[in-house]
Amino acid sequence: MPSRARAAVSPERDALARVEAWTRDYAPLPGIPDEFVGANGERRPHWERLLRALADLEPDEIDQRFAAADRRIRNRGMSYRVQGEAAERTWPLSRMPLLIPESE
């Protein structure tokens, strides 16, 4: 008799599903070199490693880490001023870094 218990989704499978959801609709612009996708249409390995590491975190944990980084920038006074403006602007922090593989 088959068991009616539903198998729990493994953390690795859940992480893979997150990466797939994040990248499913991504398409490079025609004729423009792309840092995320190689000429073969596959995600570049160094991006794959970063996405897998992020996918291992729960969404709330990712949000908390980004918020902590924003607080550090504000608390350390990292800012800049645009020429002609009196007010300083808090330095913006990209949520995704530019990854450059060691071979480059």
Protein backbone atom coordinates (compact mmCIF):
# COMPACT_ATOMS: atom_id res chain seq x y z
CA MET A 1 0.00 0.00 0.00
CA PRO A 2 1.54 3.38 -0.99
CA SER A 3 2.27 5.82 1.77
CA ARG A 4 0.02 8.89 1.87
CA ALA A 5 2.71 10.94 3.60
CA ARG A 6 3.96 13.69 1.37
CA ALA A 7 7.70 13.81 1.02
CA ALA A 8 9.23 17.02 2.25
CA VAL A 9 10.93 19.14 -0.39
CA SER A 10 14.67 19.04 0.12
CA PRO A 11 16.43 22.34 0.82
CA GLU A 12 18.58 21.83 -2.29
CA ARG A 13 15.53 21.30 -4.49
CA ASP A 14 13.89 24.37 -2.98
CA ALA A 15 17.05 26.41 -3.68
CA LEU A 16 17.14 25.21 -7.29
CA ALA A 17 13.49 26.20 -7.70
CA ARG A 18 14.28 29.70 -6.38
CA VAL A 19 17.15 30.15 -8.84
CA GLU A 20 14.92 28.98 -11.68
CA ALA A 21 12.13 31.38 -10.65
CA TRP A 22 14.58 34.31 -10.40
CA THR A 23 16.08 33.69 -13.84
CA ARG A 24 13.23 32.13 -15.82
CA ASP A 25 12.35 35.24 -17.84
CA TYR A 26 15.87 36.61 -18.20
CA ALA A 27 16.95 37.22 -21.78
CA PRO A 28 20.11 39.02 -22.89
CA LEU A 29 19.72 41.97 -25.21
CA PRO A 30 20.52 41.07 -28.82
CA GLY A 31 23.97 42.08 -29.98
CA ILE A 32 25.14 43.19 -26.52
CA PRO A 33 27.69 41.16 -24.52
CA ASP A 34 26.08 39.76 -21.39
CA GLU A 35 27.84 39.17 -18.07
CA PHE A 36 25.18 36.78 -16.78
CA VAL A 37 24.64 34.45 -19.75
CA GLY A 38 27.39 33.02 -21.94
CA ALA A 39 27.36 32.75 -25.72
CA ASN A 40 25.87 29.24 -25.33
CA GLY A 41 22.79 30.69 -23.59
CA GLU A 42 23.64 29.14 -20.22
CA ARG A 43 24.19 31.02 -16.98
CA ARG A 44 27.89 31.62 -16.36
CA PRO A 45 29.31 29.38 -13.59
CA HIS A 46 30.38 32.25 -11.31
CA TRP A 47 26.82 33.62 -11.36
CA GLU A 48 25.42 30.16 -10.75
CA ARG A 49 27.50 29.90 -7.54
CA LEU A 50 26.26 33.28 -6.27
CA LEU A 51 22.63 32.53 -7.05
CA ARG A 52 22.84 29.15 -5.32
CA ALA A 53 24.35 30.77 -2.22
CA LEU A 54 21.54 33.37 -2.16
CA ALA A 55 18.91 30.71 -2.79
CA ASP A 56 20.10 28.79 0.27
CA LEU A 57 18.95 31.75 2.38
CA GLU A 58 15.33 32.37 3.26
CA PRO A 59 13.84 35.50 1.62
CA ASP A 60 13.53 37.20 5.02
CA GLU A 61 17.20 36.58 5.70
CA ILE A 62 18.18 38.14 2.36
CA ASP A 63 16.01 41.18 3.15
CA GLN A 64 17.61 41.47 6.61
CA ARG A 65 21.11 41.36 5.13
CA PHE A 66 20.32 44.04 2.56
CA ALA A 67 18.74 46.22 5.25
CA ALA A 68 21.82 45.78 7.45
CA ALA A 69 24.08 46.85 4.57
CA ASP A 70 21.90 49.93 3.99
CA ARG A 71 22.15 50.82 7.69
CA ARG A 72 25.94 50.48 7.65
CA ILE A 73 26.19 52.83 4.70
CA ARG A 74 23.98 55.43 6.44
CA ASN A 75 25.72 55.03 9.81
CA ARG A 76 29.17 55.45 8.31
CA GLY A 77 28.10 58.54 6.43
CA MET A 78 28.92 57.19 3.00
CA SER A 79 27.47 59.80 0.72
CA TYR A 80 28.14 61.91 -2.32
CA ARG A 81 27.04 65.25 -3.66
CA VAL A 82 25.94 65.94 -7.22
CA GLN A 83 27.47 69.07 -8.69
CA GLY A 84 25.07 71.98 -8.28
CA GLU A 85 23.08 70.34 -5.45
CA ALA A 86 23.42 71.35 -1.81
CA ALA A 87 22.17 68.11 -0.25
CA GLU A 88 24.24 64.95 0.04
CA ARG A 89 22.86 61.66 -1.18
CA THR A 90 23.37 58.33 0.56
CA TRP A 91 25.59 56.10 -1.51
CA PRO A 92 23.39 53.59 -3.38
CA LEU A 93 24.26 49.95 -2.96
CA SER A 94 23.47 47.54 -5.77
CA ARG A 95 21.74 44.38 -4.64
CA MET A 96 23.71 42.33 -7.13
CA PRO A 97 27.46 42.72 -7.52
CA LEU A 98 29.33 42.67 -10.79
CA LEU A 99 31.03 39.30 -10.79
CA ILE A 100 34.27 38.88 -12.66
CA PRO A 101 35.66 35.36 -12.88
CA GLU A 102 39.28 34.80 -11.92
CA SER A 103 40.17 33.95 -15.53
CA GLU A 104 39.26 37.49 -16.61
